Amino acid sequence: MTNVLTAEEQIVEVIGSCEQITVYDAAEPQVVEVEFQAELVVIAAGNDNQAMDVVSPIVAFMQVDVLETGPQGRPGMDTVDLSFEAATAIGGQRVVATDDQGKAVYADNFTRYKTVIGISTGAAIQGAMVTVKPFGRLEDSSWKWNPEKGLFLGINGLIVQDVPDTGAIVPLGHVAGEDAIFITISDFIER
């Protein structure tokens, strides 16, 4: 988890998991331990740069020893969208697979689930190039996802939230907000 936050004109970078977060600020790095994963943490600097204030969700902190900083790590990998020629008209935000010629077609959980390549980011007519996101965050204002359910491949490239009763089970990722998903296409399960 990496978040860049501003608190009282102080930029604070939070790096870590739900067990430990390293806080880098203008003064020096510190380590704090948390009980639950925080989505928003605001560190307010006091005169001694030790006072901490946590804002939603409530997270318990405990300060421990100051760390020495090491060398800069490698940058993270950006998500690269792919382009394919559309074998047929493709709608936006639909699960896409490839046909025998390597062209984009709708995926489905009955016949075209072995070659799923991602989710279309927009519509394309037959013969045009369609952009497909194979991994990462995708948003659409028309979506209203239930965060307590998963994301699965249905028929005609549709993303469904209930495990299909028949056909293969193809997990597509998880809900990242009411109008957003995070694509992590997993191995399919045939039945």
Protein backbone atom coordinates (compact mmCIF):
# COMPACT_ATOMS: atom_id res chain seq x y z
CA MET A 1 0.00 0.00 0.00
CA THR A 2 1.46 3.40 -0.96
CA ASN A 3 -0.34 6.65 -0.28
CA VAL A 4 0.96 10.20 -0.44
CA LEU A 5 -0.84 12.37 2.09
CA THR A 6 -0.72 16.00 3.17
CA ALA A 7 -1.21 17.01 6.80
CA GLU A 8 -0.70 20.58 7.98
CA GLU A 9 1.48 21.41 4.96
CA GLN A 10 3.57 18.31 5.59
CA ILE A 11 3.74 15.63 2.88
CA VAL A 12 3.80 12.17 4.37
CA GLU A 13 4.35 8.96 2.40
CA VAL A 14 2.94 5.78 3.88
CA ILE A 15 4.47 2.52 2.68
CA GLY A 16 3.72 -0.94 4.01
CA SER A 17 1.12 -3.57 4.80
CA CYS A 18 -1.54 -3.81 7.45
CA GLU A 19 1.02 -5.12 9.97
CA GLN A 20 3.57 -2.34 9.59
CA ILE A 21 3.70 1.06 7.94
CA THR A 22 6.90 3.05 7.44
CA VAL A 23 6.22 6.78 7.57
CA TYR A 24 8.66 9.04 5.68
CA ASP A 25 8.36 12.74 6.42
CA ALA A 26 10.50 15.85 6.18
CA ALA A 27 12.28 15.11 9.48
CA GLU A 28 13.11 11.40 9.56
CA PRO A 29 11.59 7.97 8.89
CA GLN A 30 9.63 6.26 11.65
CA VAL A 31 7.94 2.91 11.92
CA VAL A 32 4.47 2.54 13.34
CA GLU A 33 2.48 -0.66 13.77
CA VAL A 34 -1.22 -0.85 13.01
CA GLU A 35 -3.95 -3.25 14.10
CA PHE A 36 -6.06 -2.94 10.94
CA GLN A 37 -5.32 -1.91 7.39
CA ALA A 38 -5.74 1.83 7.00
CA GLU A 39 -7.11 3.39 3.85
CA LEU A 40 -6.55 6.95 5.02
CA VAL A 41 -3.91 7.90 7.57
CA VAL A 42 -3.14 11.51 8.41
CA ILE A 43 -0.01 12.17 10.43
CA ALA A 44 -0.09 15.62 12.05
CA ALA A 45 3.35 16.91 13.03
CA GLY A 46 3.76 18.39 16.51
CA ASN A 47 6.64 20.55 17.79
CA ASP A 48 8.70 17.42 18.44
CA ASN A 49 7.43 15.75 15.24
CA GLN A 50 6.07 12.85 17.32
CA ALA A 51 2.33 13.60 17.71
CA MET A 52 0.11 11.48 15.45
CA ASP A 53 -3.54 11.90 14.60
CA VAL A 54 -5.44 9.17 12.73
CA VAL A 55 -8.48 9.95 10.63
CA SER A 56 -10.96 7.30 9.39
CA PRO A 57 -10.79 4.37 9.62
CA ILE A 58 -9.76 4.21 13.27
CA VAL A 59 -6.33 2.61 13.53
CA ALA A 60 -4.27 2.01 16.67
CA PHE A 61 -0.62 3.12 16.35
CA MET A 62 2.47 2.33 18.38
CA GLN A 63 5.74 4.14 17.66
CA VAL A 64 8.91 2.07 17.61
CA ASP A 65 12.58 2.75 16.84
CA VAL A 66 13.66 5.10 14.05
CA LEU A 67 14.92 3.33 10.93
CA GLU A 68 17.89 4.18 8.78
CA THR A 69 16.99 4.86 5.18
CA GLY A 70 18.35 2.59 2.47
CA PRO A 71 18.83 3.05 -1.26
CA GLN A 72 15.88 3.93 -3.49
CA GLY A 73 14.06 0.83 -4.74
CA ARG A 74 13.06 0.09 -8.32
CA PRO A 75 9.96 1.93 -9.54
CA GLY A 76 6.72 -0.03 -9.80
CA MET A 77 5.55 -1.41 -13.13
CA ASP A 78 2.94 0.64 -14.98
CA THR A 79 -0.09 -1.07 -16.43
CA VAL A 80 0.17 -1.28 -20.21
CA ASP A 81 -3.08 -1.39 -22.16
CA LEU A 82 -3.15 -3.66 -25.22
CA SER A 83 -4.68 -3.09 -28.67
CA PHE A 84 -6.34 -5.75 -30.81
CA GLU A 85 -8.31 -5.69 -34.02
CA ALA A 86 -11.99 -6.32 -33.24
CA ALA A 87 -13.34 -9.40 -35.05
CA THR A 88 -16.87 -8.11 -34.33
CA ALA A 89 -18.24 -4.96 -32.72
CA ILE A 90 -17.02 -4.80 -29.11
CA GLY A 91 -18.71 -2.76 -26.39
CA GLY A 92 -16.86 -0.89 -23.68
CA GLN A 93 -16.11 -2.47 -20.30
CA ARG A 94 -16.60 -6.01 -21.62
CA VAL A 95 -14.37 -9.04 -21.07
CA VAL A 96 -12.40 -9.78 -24.22
CA ALA A 97 -10.73 -12.95 -25.52
CA THR A 98 -8.93 -13.68 -28.76
CA ASP A 99 -10.18 -15.85 -31.61
CA ASP A 100 -8.10 -18.23 -33.78
CA GLN A 101 -6.73 -15.26 -35.79
CA GLY A 102 -5.71 -13.31 -32.65
CA LYS A 103 -8.56 -10.80 -33.04
CA ALA A 104 -10.67 -9.52 -30.15
CA VAL A 105 -14.04 -11.14 -29.47
CA TYR A 106 -16.32 -11.27 -26.44
CA ALA A 107 -15.21 -13.81 -23.86
CA ASP A 108 -17.76 -16.11 -22.25
CA ASN A 109 -17.61 -18.77 -19.58
CA PHE A 110 -18.70 -21.57 -21.95
CA THR A 111 -16.49 -21.45 -25.03
CA ARG A 112 -14.10 -18.48 -24.91
CA TYR A 113 -12.58 -18.45 -21.44
CA LYS A 114 -9.15 -19.96 -22.16
CA THR A 115 -7.93 -16.92 -24.10
CA VAL A 116 -9.24 -14.07 -21.91
CA ILE A 117 -6.93 -11.08 -22.34
CA GLY A 118 -8.64 -8.35 -20.31
CA ILE A 119 -11.48 -5.84 -20.29
CA SER A 120 -12.18 -3.35 -23.09
CA THR A 121 -11.75 0.28 -22.07
CA GLY A 122 -14.06 1.54 -24.82
CA ALA A 123 -16.17 0.37 -27.74
CA ALA A 124 -14.90 -0.50 -31.22
CA ILE A 125 -16.57 -1.40 -34.49
CA GLN A 126 -15.63 -4.52 -36.45
CA GLY A 127 -12.16 -4.14 -37.96
CA ALA A 128 -11.17 -1.22 -35.69
CA MET A 129 -8.66 -1.44 -32.88
CA VAL A 130 -10.05 -2.03 -29.39
CA THR A 131 -8.05 -1.11 -26.29
CA VAL A 132 -7.95 -3.81 -23.61
CA LYS A 133 -6.75 -3.47 -20.01
CA PRO A 134 -5.26 -6.80 -18.87
CA PHE A 135 -4.47 -5.70 -15.31
CA GLY A 136 -5.11 -2.77 -12.99
CA ARG A 137 -7.80 -0.31 -12.03
CA LEU A 138 -10.71 0.41 -14.37
CA GLU A 139 -13.54 2.87 -13.62
CA ASP A 140 -16.91 3.54 -15.20
CA SER A 141 -19.49 5.95 -13.77
CA SER A 142 -22.37 3.64 -14.78
CA TRP A 143 -21.12 0.79 -12.57
CA LYS A 144 -22.67 0.10 -9.16
CA TRP A 145 -20.63 -2.81 -7.75
CA ASN A 146 -21.30 -4.65 -4.50
CA PRO A 147 -17.96 -4.61 -2.61
CA GLU A 148 -18.85 -7.81 -0.76
CA LYS A 149 -18.93 -9.90 -3.95
CA GLY A 150 -16.32 -10.99 -6.46
CA LEU A 151 -16.12 -10.38 -10.20
CA PHE A 152 -16.54 -13.25 -12.68
CA LEU A 153 -16.86 -13.80 -16.42
CA GLY A 154 -20.43 -14.31 -17.64
CA ILE A 155 -21.74 -14.62 -21.21
CA ASN A 156 -21.16 -12.12 -24.06
CA GLY A 157 -18.25 -10.52 -22.23
CA LEU A 158 -20.34 -9.44 -19.27
CA ILE A 159 -18.81 -9.06 -15.82
CA VAL A 160 -21.02 -10.71 -13.19
CA GLN A 161 -20.78 -10.71 -9.40
CA ASP A 162 -22.31 -14.11 -8.71
CA VAL A 163 -20.40 -17.29 -9.50
CA PRO A 164 -22.06 -18.68 -12.64
CA ASP A 165 -24.12 -21.83 -12.03
CA THR A 166 -22.85 -23.44 -15.24
CA GLY A 167 -19.78 -23.13 -17.42
CA ALA A 168 -16.26 -22.31 -16.30
CA ILE A 169 -15.52 -20.08 -13.33
CA VAL A 170 -13.19 -17.25 -14.35
CA PRO A 171 -12.31 -14.80 -11.53
CA LEU A 172 -11.63 -11.35 -13.00
CA GLY A 173 -10.51 -9.33 -9.98
CA HIS A 174 -12.14 -7.42 -7.17
CA VAL A 175 -14.30 -4.38 -6.55
CA ALA A 176 -12.19 -1.27 -5.91
CA GLY A 177 -15.12 1.12 -5.36
CA GLU A 178 -18.76 1.52 -6.29
CA ASP A 179 -17.75 2.47 -9.84
CA ALA A 180 -14.31 0.82 -10.05
CA ILE A 181 -12.72 -2.60 -10.29
CA PHE A 182 -9.18 -3.89 -10.07
CA ILE A 183 -8.49 -6.43 -12.79
CA THR A 184 -6.46 -9.50 -11.79
CA ILE A 185 -7.60 -12.30 -14.07
CA SER A 186 -7.06 -15.66 -12.35
CA ASP A 187 -6.88 -19.19 -13.71
CA PHE A 188 -10.24 -20.56 -14.80
CA ILE A 189 -11.92 -23.55 -13.20
CA GLU A 190 -13.60 -25.94 -15.61
CA ARG A 191 -16.59 -28.01 -14.53
